[in-house]
């Protein structure tokens, strides 16, 4: 009876170790697939030395330039940025100057 109990314990422990090995293998596969998924889209813009913001701005400019004329001019006008600069002299601001980032102005 003791021999049967010992064999049962060996059998149970071998099944348990097999299951734990299978779980460990599944965890490693899941971990490696997550790593691959997170790096899948990044290399083509990251390897070019761009940030995601630079890449998305480049794509947006390409799409805007592909538009037909009434829509293209509207999209380009929305892109303009205006800002004011005030020079300071003797601790007081001088008259502000309005500037734009577009080259035609």
PDB file of N, CA and C in Angstrom:
ATOM      1  N   UNK A   1       0.821  -1.193   0.000  1.00  0.00           N
ATOM      2  CA  UNK A   1       0.000   0.000   0.000  1.00  0.00           C
ATOM      3  C   UNK A   1       0.865   1.257   0.000  1.00  0.00           C
ATOM      4  N   UNK A   2       1.986   1.206   0.708  1.00  0.00           N
ATOM      5  CA  UNK A   2       2.905   2.345   0.735  1.00  0.00           C
ATOM      6  C   UNK A   2       3.526   2.540  -0.639  1.00  0.00           C
ATOM      7  N   UNK A   3       3.838   1.462  -1.328  1.00  0.00           N
ATOM      8  CA  UNK A   3       4.419   1.542  -2.657  1.00  0.00           C
ATOM      9  C   UNK A   3       3.447   2.180  -3.638  1.00  0.00           C
ATOM     10  N   UNK A   4       2.186   1.860  -3.548  1.00  0.00           N
ATOM     11  CA  UNK A   4       1.176   2.457  -4.425  1.00  0.00           C
ATOM     12  C   UNK A   4       1.058   3.953  -4.141  1.00  0.00           C
ATOM     13  N   UNK A   5       1.092   4.325  -2.868  1.00  0.00           N
ATOM     14  CA  UNK A   5       1.028   5.747  -2.508  1.00  0.00           C
ATOM     15  C   UNK A   5       2.225   6.516  -3.053  1.00  0.00           C
ATOM     16  N   UNK A   6       3.403   5.890  -2.995  1.00  0.00           N
ATOM     17  CA  UNK A   6       4.609   6.539  -3.509  1.00  0.00           C
ATOM     18  C   UNK A   6       4.514   6.733  -5.018  1.00  0.00           C
ATOM     19  N   UNK A   7       4.035   5.706  -5.729  1.00  0.00           N
ATOM     20  CA  UNK A   7       3.879   5.810  -7.181  1.00  0.00           C
ATOM     21  C   UNK A   7       2.868   6.891  -7.535  1.00  0.00           C
ATOM     22  N   UNK A   8       1.809   6.993  -6.782  1.00  0.00           N
ATOM     23  CA  UNK A   8       0.803   8.029  -7.036  1.00  0.00           C
ATOM     24  C   UNK A   8       1.406   9.415  -6.831  1.00  0.00           C
ATOM     25  N   UNK A   9       2.228   9.563  -5.778  1.00  0.00           N
ATOM     26  CA  UNK A   9       2.869  10.855  -5.528  1.00  0.00           C
ATOM     27  C   UNK A   9       3.827  11.225  -6.662  1.00  0.00           C
ATOM     28  N   UNK A  10       4.577  10.263  -7.146  1.00  0.00           N
ATOM     29  CA  UNK A  10       5.511  10.509  -8.248  1.00  0.00           C
ATOM     30  C   UNK A  10       4.741  10.898  -9.498  1.00  0.00           C
ATOM     31  N   UNK A  11       3.660  10.182  -9.767  1.00  0.00           N
ATOM     32  CA  UNK A  11       2.844  10.472 -10.935  1.00  0.00           C
ATOM     33  C   UNK A  11       2.237  11.870 -10.840  1.00  0.00           C
ATOM     34  N   UNK A  12       1.698  12.219  -9.683  1.00  0.00           N
ATOM     35  CA  UNK A  12       1.090  13.541  -9.491  1.00  0.00           C
ATOM     36  C   UNK A  12       2.143  14.636  -9.616  1.00  0.00           C
ATOM     37  N   UNK A  13       3.316  14.425  -9.033  1.00  0.00           N
ATOM     38  CA  UNK A  13       4.358  15.457  -9.105  1.00  0.00           C
ATOM     39  C   UNK A  13       4.873  15.630 -10.532  1.00  0.00           C
ATOM     40  N   UNK A  14       4.956  14.532 -11.293  1.00  0.00           N
ATOM     41  CA  UNK A  14       5.428  14.663 -12.672  1.00  0.00           C
ATOM     42  C   UNK A  14       4.398  15.396 -13.533  1.00  0.00           C
ATOM     43  N   UNK A  15       3.115  15.142 -13.288  1.00  0.00           N
ATOM     44  CA  UNK A  15       2.062  15.861 -14.014  1.00  0.00           C
ATOM     45  C   UNK A  15       2.091  17.342 -13.641  1.00  0.00           C
ATOM     46  N   UNK A  16       2.299  17.626 -12.359  1.00  0.00           N
ATOM     47  CA  UNK A  16       2.341  19.017 -11.903  1.00  0.00           C
ATOM     48  C   UNK A  16       3.531  19.758 -12.508  1.00  0.00           C
ATOM     49  N   UNK A  17       4.693  19.115 -12.567  1.00  0.00           N
ATOM     50  CA  UNK A  17       5.855  19.791 -13.149  1.00  0.00           C
ATOM     51  C   UNK A  17       5.679  19.996 -14.648  1.00  0.00           C
ATOM     52  N   UNK A  18       5.031  19.036 -15.308  1.00  0.00           N
ATOM     53  CA  UNK A  18       4.774  19.183 -16.739  1.00  0.00           C
ATOM     54  C   UNK A  18       3.845  20.370 -16.980  1.00  0.00           C
ATOM     55  N   UNK A  19       2.804  20.500 -16.170  1.00  0.00           N
ATOM     56  CA  UNK A  19       1.871  21.626 -16.309  1.00  0.00           C
ATOM     57  C   UNK A  19       2.559  22.952 -16.016  1.00  0.00           C
ATOM     58  N   UNK A  20       3.401  22.972 -15.000  1.00  0.00           N
ATOM     59  CA  UNK A  20       4.095  24.219 -14.673  1.00  0.00           C
ATOM     60  C   UNK A  20       5.073  24.603 -15.786  1.00  0.00           C
ATOM     61  N   UNK A  21       5.724  23.601 -16.398  1.00  0.00           N
ATOM     62  CA  UNK A  21       6.605  23.895 -17.530  1.00  0.00           C
ATOM     63  C   UNK A  21       5.811  24.434 -18.712  1.00  0.00           C
ATOM     64  N   UNK A  22       4.631  23.842 -18.980  1.00  0.00           N
ATOM     65  CA  UNK A  22       3.791  24.315 -20.078  1.00  0.00           C
ATOM     66  C   UNK A  22       3.323  25.750 -19.832  1.00  0.00           C
ATOM     67  N   UNK A  23       2.956  26.055 -18.584  1.00  0.00           N
ATOM     68  CA  UNK A  23       2.542  27.418 -18.253  1.00  0.00           C
ATOM     69  C   UNK A  23       3.693  28.399 -18.431  1.00  0.00           C
ATOM     70  N   UNK A  24       4.888  28.000 -18.025  1.00  0.00           N
ATOM     71  CA  UNK A  24       6.059  28.869 -18.177  1.00  0.00           C
ATOM     72  C   UNK A  24       6.357  29.128 -19.648  1.00  0.00           C
ATOM     73  N   UNK A  25       6.226  28.097 -20.472  1.00  0.00           N
ATOM     74  CA  UNK A  25       6.454  28.254 -21.910  1.00  0.00           C
ATOM     75  C   UNK A  25       5.412  29.186 -22.512  1.00  0.00           C
ATOM     76  N   UNK A  26       4.141  29.032 -22.114  1.00  0.00           N
ATOM     77  CA  UNK A  26       3.088  29.906 -22.617  1.00  0.00           C
ATOM     78  C   UNK A  26       3.330  31.356 -22.212  1.00  0.00           C
ATOM     79  N   UNK A  27       3.787  31.578 -20.972  1.00  0.00           N
ATOM     80  CA  UNK A  27       4.081  32.940 -20.521  1.00  0.00           C
ATOM     81  C   UNK A  27       5.203  33.561 -21.341  1.00  0.00           C
ATOM     82  N   UNK A  28       6.240  32.782 -21.621  1.00  0.00           N
ATOM     83  CA  UNK A  28       7.357  33.298 -22.413  1.00  0.00           C
ATOM     84  C   UNK A  28       6.914  33.629 -23.834  1.00  0.00           C
ATOM     85  N   UNK A  29       6.070  32.767 -24.422  1.00  0.00           N
ATOM     86  CA  UNK A  29       5.569  33.041 -25.770  1.00  0.00           C
ATOM     87  C   UNK A  29       4.731  34.308 -25.785  1.00  0.00           C
ATOM     88  N   UNK A  30       3.873  34.478 -24.784  1.00  0.00           N
ATOM     89  CA  UNK A  30       3.037  35.678 -24.706  1.00  0.00           C
ATOM     90  C   UNK A  30       3.892  36.924 -24.523  1.00  0.00           C
ATOM     91  N   UNK A  31       4.924  36.816 -23.696  1.00  0.00           N
ATOM     92  CA  UNK A  31       5.811  37.958 -23.449  1.00  0.00           C
ATOM     93  C   UNK A  31       6.551  38.345 -24.725  1.00  0.00           C
ATOM     94  N   UNK A  32       7.061  37.355 -25.457  1.00  0.00           N
ATOM     95  CA  UNK A  32       7.802  37.663 -26.682  1.00  0.00           C
ATOM     96  C   UNK A  32       6.878  38.206 -27.762  1.00  0.00           C
ATOM     97  N   UNK A  33       5.633  37.730 -27.830  1.00  0.00           N
ATOM     98  CA  UNK A  33       4.710  38.266 -28.829  1.00  0.00           C
ATOM     99  C   UNK A  33       4.313  39.694 -28.497  1.00  0.00           C
ATOM    100  N   UNK A  34       4.205  40.042 -27.203  1.00  0.00           N
ATOM    101  CA  UNK A  34       3.918  41.432 -26.822  1.00  0.00           C
ATOM    102  C   UNK A  34       5.075  42.335 -27.203  1.00  0.00           C
ATOM    103  N   UNK A  35       6.302  41.851 -27.021  1.00  0.00           N
ATOM    104  CA  UNK A  35       7.461  42.648 -27.404  1.00  0.00           C
ATOM    105  C   UNK A  35       7.478  42.883 -28.903  1.00  0.00           C
ATOM    106  N   UNK A  36       7.179  41.861 -29.676  1.00  0.00           N
ATOM    107  CA  UNK A  36       7.176  42.001 -31.122  1.00  0.00           C
ATOM    108  C   UNK A  36       6.073  42.946 -31.566  1.00  0.00           C
ATOM    109  N   UNK A  37       4.905  42.877 -30.939  1.00  0.00           N
ATOM    110  CA  UNK A  37       3.796  43.738 -31.330  1.00  0.00           C
ATOM    111  C   UNK A  37       4.087  45.191 -31.001  1.00  0.00           C
ATOM    112  N   UNK A  38       4.764  45.455 -29.896  1.00  0.00           N
ATOM    113  CA  UNK A  38       5.035  46.837 -29.527  1.00  0.00           C
ATOM    114  C   UNK A  38       6.103  47.461 -30.414  1.00  0.00           C
ATOM    115  N   UNK A  39       6.978  46.677 -31.001  1.00  0.00           N
ATOM    116  CA  UNK A  39       8.038  47.206 -31.848  1.00  0.00           C
ATOM    117  C   UNK A  39       7.731  47.071 -33.333  1.00  0.00           C
ATOM    118  N   UNK A  40       6.574  46.567 -33.684  1.00  0.00           N
ATOM    119  CA  UNK A  40       6.294  46.256 -35.077  1.00  0.00           C
ATOM    120  C   UNK A  40       6.207  47.501 -35.955  1.00  0.00           C
ATOM    121  N   UNK A  41       5.528  48.562 -35.503  1.00  0.00           N
ATOM    122  CA  UNK A  41       5.324  49.729 -36.348  1.00  0.00           C
ATOM    123  C   UNK A  41       6.396  50.790 -36.165  1.00  0.00           C
ATOM    124  N   UNK A  42       7.132  50.739 -35.102  1.00  0.00           N
ATOM    125  CA  UNK A  42       8.064  51.817 -34.779  1.00  0.00           C
ATOM    126  C   UNK A  42       9.298  51.908 -35.672  1.00  0.00           C
ATOM    127  N   UNK A  43       9.904  50.830 -36.101  1.00  0.00           N
ATOM    128  CA  UNK A  43      11.223  50.958 -36.723  1.00  0.00           C
ATOM    129  C   UNK A  43      11.313  51.862 -37.942  1.00  0.00           C
ATOM    130  N   UNK A  44      10.294  51.924 -38.791  1.00  0.00           N
ATOM    131  CA  UNK A  44      10.469  52.682 -40.021  1.00  0.00           C
ATOM    132  C   UNK A  44      10.563  54.175 -39.789  1.00  0.00           C
ATOM    133  N   UNK A  45       9.899  54.748 -38.801  1.00  0.00           N
ATOM    134  CA  UNK A  45      10.071  56.182 -38.532  1.00  0.00           C
ATOM    135  C   UNK A  45      11.120  56.427 -37.466  1.00  0.00           C
ATOM    136  N   UNK A  46      11.273  55.484 -36.531  1.00  0.00           N
ATOM    137  CA  UNK A  46      12.284  55.638 -35.479  1.00  0.00           C
ATOM    138  C   UNK A  46      13.689  55.489 -36.072  1.00  0.00           C
ATOM    139  N   UNK A  47      13.862  54.549 -37.007  1.00  0.00           N
ATOM    140  CA  UNK A  47      15.180  54.353 -37.608  1.00  0.00           C
ATOM    141  C   UNK A  47      15.562  55.508 -38.521  1.00  0.00           C
ATOM    142  N   UNK A  48      14.581  56.281 -38.976  1.00  0.00           N
ATOM    143  CA  UNK A  48      14.872  57.460 -39.794  1.00  0.00           C
ATOM    144  C   UNK A  48      15.262  58.657 -38.939  1.00  0.00           C
ATOM    145  N   UNK A  49      15.253  58.487 -37.622  1.00  0.00           N
ATOM    146  CA  UNK A  49      15.647  59.568 -36.728  1.00  0.00           C
ATOM    147  C   UNK A  49      14.523  60.538 -36.425  1.00  0.00           C
ATOM    148  N   UNK A  50      13.286  60.111 -36.635  1.00  0.00           N
ATOM    149  CA  UNK A  50      12.137  60.985 -36.395  1.00  0.00           C
ATOM    150  C   UNK A  50      11.438  60.617 -35.103  1.00  0.00           C
ATOM    151  N   UNK A  51      10.753  61.598 -34.534  1.00  0.00           N
ATOM    152  CA  UNK A  51       9.835  61.314 -33.443  1.00  0.00           C
ATOM    153  C   UNK A  51       8.478  61.037 -34.062  1.00  0.00           C
ATOM    154  N   UNK A  52       7.536  60.556 -33.256  1.00  0.00           N
ATOM    155  CA  UNK A  52       6.213  60.273 -33.800  1.00  0.00           C
ATOM    156  C   UNK A  52       5.514  61.555 -34.229  1.00  0.00           C
ATOM    157  N   UNK A  53       5.728  62.650 -33.497  1.00  0.00           N
ATOM    158  CA  UNK A  53       5.106  63.927 -33.856  1.00  0.00           C
ATOM    159  C   UNK A  53       5.610  64.395 -35.218  1.00  0.00           C
ATOM    160  N   UNK A  54       6.908  64.290 -35.452  1.00  0.00           N
ATOM    161  CA  UNK A  54       7.478  64.685 -36.741  1.00  0.00           C
ATOM    162  C   UNK A  54       6.918  63.818 -37.860  1.00  0.00           C
ATOM    163  N   UNK A  55       6.835  62.527 -37.620  1.00  0.00           N
ATOM    164  CA  UNK A  55       6.291  61.603 -38.619  1.00  0.00           C
ATOM    165  C   UNK A  55       4.832  61.913 -38.924  1.00  0.00           C
ATOM    166  N   UNK A  56       4.029  62.168 -37.893  1.00  0.00           N
ATOM    167  CA  UNK A  56       2.612  62.452 -38.125  1.00  0.00           C
ATOM    168  C   UNK A  56       2.425  63.793 -38.821  1.00  0.00           C
ATOM    169  N   UNK A  57       3.268  64.792 -38.515  1.00  0.00           N
ATOM    170  CA  UNK A  57       3.191  66.075 -39.224  1.00  0.00           C
ATOM    171  C   UNK A  57       3.552  65.915 -40.693  1.00  0.00           C
ATOM    172  N   UNK A  58       4.535  65.099 -40.984  1.00  0.00           N
ATOM    173  CA  UNK A  58       4.920  64.835 -42.361  1.00  0.00           C
ATOM    174  C   UNK A  58       3.780  64.167 -43.126  1.00  0.00           C
ATOM    175  N   UNK A  59       3.142  63.185 -42.511  1.00  0.00           N
ATOM    176  CA  UNK A  59       2.006  62.504 -43.144  1.00  0.00           C
ATOM    177  C   UNK A  59       0.846  63.467 -43.370  1.00  0.00           C
ATOM    178  N   UNK A  60       0.580  64.337 -42.391  1.00  0.00           N
ATOM    179  CA  UNK A  60      -0.510  65.303 -42.533  1.00  0.00           C
ATOM    180  C   UNK A  60      -0.227  66.271 -43.678  1.00  0.00           C
ATOM    181  N   UNK A  61       1.016  66.716 -43.812  1.00  0.00           N
ATOM    182  CA  UNK A  61       1.371  67.609 -44.923  1.00  0.00           C
ATOM    183  C   UNK A  61       1.202  66.916 -46.268  1.00  0.00           C
ATOM    184  N   UNK A  62       1.574  65.647 -46.347  1.00  0.00           N
ATOM    185  CA  UNK A  62       1.400  64.904 -47.597  1.00  0.00           C
ATOM    186  C   UNK A  62      -0.072  64.787 -47.968  1.00  0.00           C
ATOM    187  N   UNK A  63      -0.918  64.527 -46.982  1.00  0.00           N
ATOM    188  CA  UNK A  63      -2.355  64.408 -47.254  1.00  0.00           C
ATOM    189  C   UNK A  63      -2.916  65.761 -47.683  1.00  0.00           C
ATOM    190  N   UNK A  64      -2.515  66.843 -46.998  1.00  0.00           N
ATOM    191  CA  UNK A  64      -2.997  68.181 -47.365  1.00  0.00           C
ATOM    192  C   UNK A  64      -2.587  68.547 -48.783  1.00  0.00           C
ATOM    193  N   UNK A  65      -1.372  68.198 -49.182  1.00  0.00           N
ATOM    194  CA  UNK A  65      -0.905  68.525 -50.529  1.00  0.00           C
ATOM    195  C   UNK A  65      -1.594  67.691 -51.605  1.00  0.00           C
ATOM    196  N   UNK A  66      -2.188  66.575 -51.247  1.00  0.00           N
ATOM    197  CA  UNK A  66      -2.898  65.737 -52.218  1.00  0.00           C
ATOM    198  C   UNK A  66      -4.335  66.202 -52.454  1.00  0.00           C
ATOM    199  N   UNK A  67      -4.828  67.102 -51.622  1.00  0.00           N
ATOM    200  CA  UNK A  67      -6.200  67.573 -51.778  1.00  0.00           C
ATOM    201  C   UNK A  67      -6.341  68.441 -53.019  1.00  0.00           C
ATOM    202  N   UNK A  68      -7.575  68.494 -53.551  1.00  0.00           N
ATOM    203  CA  UNK A  68      -7.844  69.384 -54.677  1.00  0.00           C
ATOM    204  C   UNK A  68      -7.978  70.805 -54.157  1.00  0.00           C
ATOM    205  N   UNK A  69      -7.960  71.769 -55.058  1.00  0.00           N
ATOM    206  CA  UNK A  69      -7.715  73.159 -54.713  1.00  0.00           C
ATOM    207  C   UNK A  69      -8.636  73.801 -53.676  1.00  0.00           C
ATOM    208  N   UNK A  70      -9.935  73.772 -53.745  1.00  0.00           N
ATOM    209  CA  UNK A  70     -10.643  74.529 -52.697  1.00  0.00           C
ATOM    210  C   UNK A  70     -10.374  73.974 -51.302  1.00  0.00           C
ATOM    211  N   UNK A  71     -10.213  72.673 -51.197  1.00  0.00           N
ATOM    212  CA  UNK A  71      -9.967  72.046 -49.895  1.00  0.00           C
ATOM    213  C   UNK A  71      -8.511  72.214 -49.457  1.00  0.00           C
ATOM    214  N   UNK A  72      -7.609  72.224 -50.432  1.00  0.00           N
ATOM    215  CA  UNK A  72      -6.187  72.361 -50.125  1.00  0.00           C
ATOM    216  C   UNK A  72      -5.888  73.722 -49.505  1.00  0.00           C
ATOM    217  N   UNK A  73      -6.426  74.790 -50.083  1.00  0.00           N
ATOM    218  CA  UNK A  73      -6.158  76.130 -49.545  1.00  0.00           C
ATOM    219  C   UNK A  73      -6.787  76.306 -48.170  1.00  0.00           C
ATOM    220  N   UNK A  74      -7.962  75.706 -47.951  1.00  0.00           N
ATOM    221  CA  UNK A  74      -8.589  75.776 -46.625  1.00  0.00           C
ATOM    222  C   UNK A  74      -7.740  75.047 -45.585  1.00  0.00           C
ATOM    223  N   UNK A  75      -7.244  73.888 -45.939  1.00  0.00           N
ATOM    224  CA  UNK A  75      -6.427  73.112 -45.000  1.00  0.00           C
ATOM    225  C   UNK A  75      -5.115  73.825 -44.691  1.00  0.00           C
ATOM    226  N   UNK A  76      -4.506  74.428 -45.703  1.00  0.00           N
ATOM    227  CA  UNK A  76      -3.258  75.155 -45.477  1.00  0.00           C
ATOM    228  C   UNK A  76      -3.478  76.411 -44.644  1.00  0.00           C
ATOM    229  N   UNK A  77      -4.638  77.054 -44.806  1.00  0.00           N
ATOM    230  CA  UNK A  77      -4.909  78.257 -44.005  1.00  0.00           C
ATOM    231  C   UNK A  77      -5.137  77.900 -42.536  1.00  0.00           C
ATOM    232  N   UNK A  78      -5.680  76.730 -42.262  1.00  0.00           N
ATOM    233  CA  UNK A  78      -5.867  76.302 -40.869  1.00  0.00           C
ATOM    234  C   UNK A  78      -4.544  75.968 -40.194  1.00  0.00           C
ATOM    235  N   UNK A  79      -3.532  75.689 -40.986  1.00  0.00           N
ATOM    236  CA  UNK A  79      -2.236  75.297 -40.440  1.00  0.00           C
ATOM    237  C   UNK A  79      -1.409  76.495 -39.980  1.00  0.00           C
ATOM    238  N   UNK A  80      -1.737  77.702 -40.434  1.00  0.00           N
ATOM    239  CA  UNK A  80      -0.933  78.883 -40.120  1.00  0.00           C
ATOM    240  C   UNK A  80      -0.957  79.184 -38.628  1.00  0.00           C
ATOM    241  N   UNK A  81       0.167  79.688 -38.142  1.00  0.00           N
ATOM    242  CA  UNK A  81       0.301  80.061 -36.739  1.00  0.00           C
ATOM    243  C   UNK A  81       0.717  81.529 -36.674  1.00  0.00           C
ATOM    244  N   UNK A  82       0.002  82.302 -35.884  1.00  0.00           N
ATOM    245  CA  UNK A  82       0.331  83.710 -35.673  1.00  0.00           C
ATOM    246  C   UNK A  82       0.731  83.893 -34.222  1.00  0.00           C
ATOM    247  N   UNK A  83       1.735  84.713 -33.985  1.00  0.00           N
ATOM    248  CA  UNK A  83       2.186  84.965 -32.623  1.00  0.00           C
ATOM    249  C   UNK A  83       2.692  86.403 -32.523  1.00  0.00           C
ATOM    250  N   UNK A  84       2.761  86.916 -31.310  1.00  0.00           N
ATOM    251  CA  UNK A  84       3.251  88.277 -31.096  1.00  0.00           C
ATOM    252  C   UNK A  84       4.540  88.241 -30.289  1.00  0.00           C
ATOM    253  N   UNK A  85       5.414  89.184 -30.608  1.00  0.00           N
ATOM    254  CA  UNK A  85       6.680  89.323 -29.898  1.00  0.00           C
ATOM    255  C   UNK A  85       6.724  90.720 -29.300  1.00  0.00           C
ATOM    256  N   UNK A  86       7.034  90.801 -28.036  1.00  0.00           N
ATOM    257  CA  UNK A  86       7.206  92.091 -27.369  1.00  0.00           C
ATOM    258  C   UNK A  86       8.637  92.179 -26.867  1.00  0.00           C
ATOM    259  N   UNK A  87       9.351  93.186 -27.322  1.00  0.00           N
ATOM    260  CA  UNK A  87      10.710  93.411 -26.821  1.00  0.00           C
ATOM    261  C   UNK A  87      10.614  94.269 -25.569  1.00  0.00           C
ATOM    262  N   UNK A  88      11.521  94.032 -24.648  1.00  0.00           N
ATOM    263  CA  UNK A  88      11.515  94.743 -23.372  1.00  0.00           C
ATOM    264  C   UNK A  88      12.709  95.683 -23.312  1.00  0.00           C
ATOM    265  N   UNK A  89      12.475  96.882 -22.821  1.00  0.00           N
ATOM    266  CA  UNK A  89      13.554  97.853 -22.614  1.00  0.00           C
ATOM    267  C   UNK A  89      13.290  98.588 -21.307  1.00  0.00           C
ATOM    268  N   UNK A  90      14.277  98.666 -20.474  1.00  0.00           N
ATOM    269  CA  UNK A  90      14.173  99.322 -19.164  1.00  0.00           C
ATOM    270  C   UNK A  90      13.060  98.722 -18.304  1.00  0.00           C
ATOM    271  N   UNK A  91      12.842  97.437 -18.416  1.00  0.00           N
ATOM    272  CA  UNK A  91      11.843  96.765 -17.594  1.00  0.00           C
ATOM    273  C   UNK A  91      10.412  96.954 -18.054  1.00  0.00           C
ATOM    274  N   UNK A  92      10.207  97.537 -19.238  1.00  0.00           N
ATOM    275  CA  UNK A  92       8.853  97.758 -19.752  1.00  0.00           C
ATOM    276  C   UNK A  92       8.739  97.159 -21.155  1.00  0.00           C
ATOM    277  N   UNK A  93       7.570  96.573 -21.477  1.00  0.00           N
ATOM    278  CA  UNK A  93       7.408  96.010 -22.824  1.00  0.00           C
ATOM    279  C   UNK A  93       7.229  97.111 -23.867  1.00  0.00           C
ATOM    280  N   UNK A  94       7.826  96.895 -25.023  1.00  0.00           N
ATOM    281  CA  UNK A  94       7.656  97.816 -26.145  1.00  0.00           C
ATOM    282  C   UNK A  94       6.419  97.392 -26.942  1.00  0.00           C
ATOM    283  N   UNK A  95       6.164  98.061 -28.060  1.00  0.00           N
ATOM    284  CA  UNK A  95       5.000  97.753 -28.887  1.00  0.00           C
ATOM    285  C   UNK A  95       5.127  96.321 -29.438  1.00  0.00           C
ATOM    286  N   UNK A  96       4.078  95.478 -29.267  1.00  0.00           N
ATOM    287  CA  UNK A  96       4.167  94.092 -29.759  1.00  0.00           C
ATOM    288  C   UNK A  96       4.137  94.023 -31.287  1.00  0.00           C
ATOM    289  N   UNK A  97       4.854  93.053 -31.821  1.00  0.00           N
ATOM    290  CA  UNK A  97       4.904  92.810 -33.256  1.00  0.00           C
ATOM    291  C   UNK A  97       4.237  91.469 -33.533  1.00  0.00           C
ATOM    292  N   UNK A  98       3.271  91.459 -34.460  1.00  0.00           N
ATOM    293  CA  UNK A  98       2.591  90.217 -34.827  1.00  0.00           C
ATOM    294  C   UNK A  98       3.370  89.540 -35.943  1.00  0.00           C
ATOM    295  N   UNK A  99       3.664  88.268 -35.762  1.00  0.00           N
ATOM    296  CA  UNK A  99       4.427  87.495 -36.742  1.00  0.00           C
ATOM    297  C   UNK A  99       3.628  86.265 -37.156  1.00  0.00           C
ATOM    298  N   UNK A 100       4.053  85.662 -38.255  1.00  0.00           N
ATOM    299  CA  UNK A 100       3.429  84.434 -38.738  1.00  0.00           C
ATOM    300  C   UNK A 100       4.530  83.474 -39.155  1.00  0.00           C
ATOM    301  N   UNK A 101       4.233  82.195 -39.093  1.00  0.00           N
ATOM    302  CA  UNK A 101       5.238  81.215 -39.492  1.00  0.00           C
ATOM    303  C   UNK A 101       5.218  80.936 -40.985  1.00  0.00           C
ATOM    304  N   UNK A 102       4.239  81.466 -41.713  1.00  0.00           N
ATOM    305  CA  UNK A 102       4.170  81.212 -43.152  1.00  0.00           C
ATOM    306  C   UNK A 102       5.160  82.115 -43.883  1.00  0.00           C
ATOM    307  N   UNK A 103       5.823  81.627 -44.937  1.00  0.00           N
ATOM    308  CA  UNK A 103       6.867  82.397 -45.615  1.00  0.00           C
ATOM    309  C   UNK A 103       6.337  83.567 -46.442  1.00  0.00           C
ATOM    310  N   UNK A 104       5.066  83.523 -46.886  1.00  0.00           N
ATOM    311  CA  UNK A 104       4.572  84.588 -47.753  1.00  0.00           C
ATOM    312  C   UNK A 104       4.251  85.865 -47.001  1.00  0.00           C
ATOM    313  N   UNK A 105       4.142  85.823 -45.678  1.00  0.00           N
ATOM    314  CA  UNK A 105       3.831  87.037 -44.921  1.00  0.00           C
ATOM    315  C   UNK A 105       5.045  87.614 -44.269  1.00  0.00           C
TER     316      UNK A 105
END
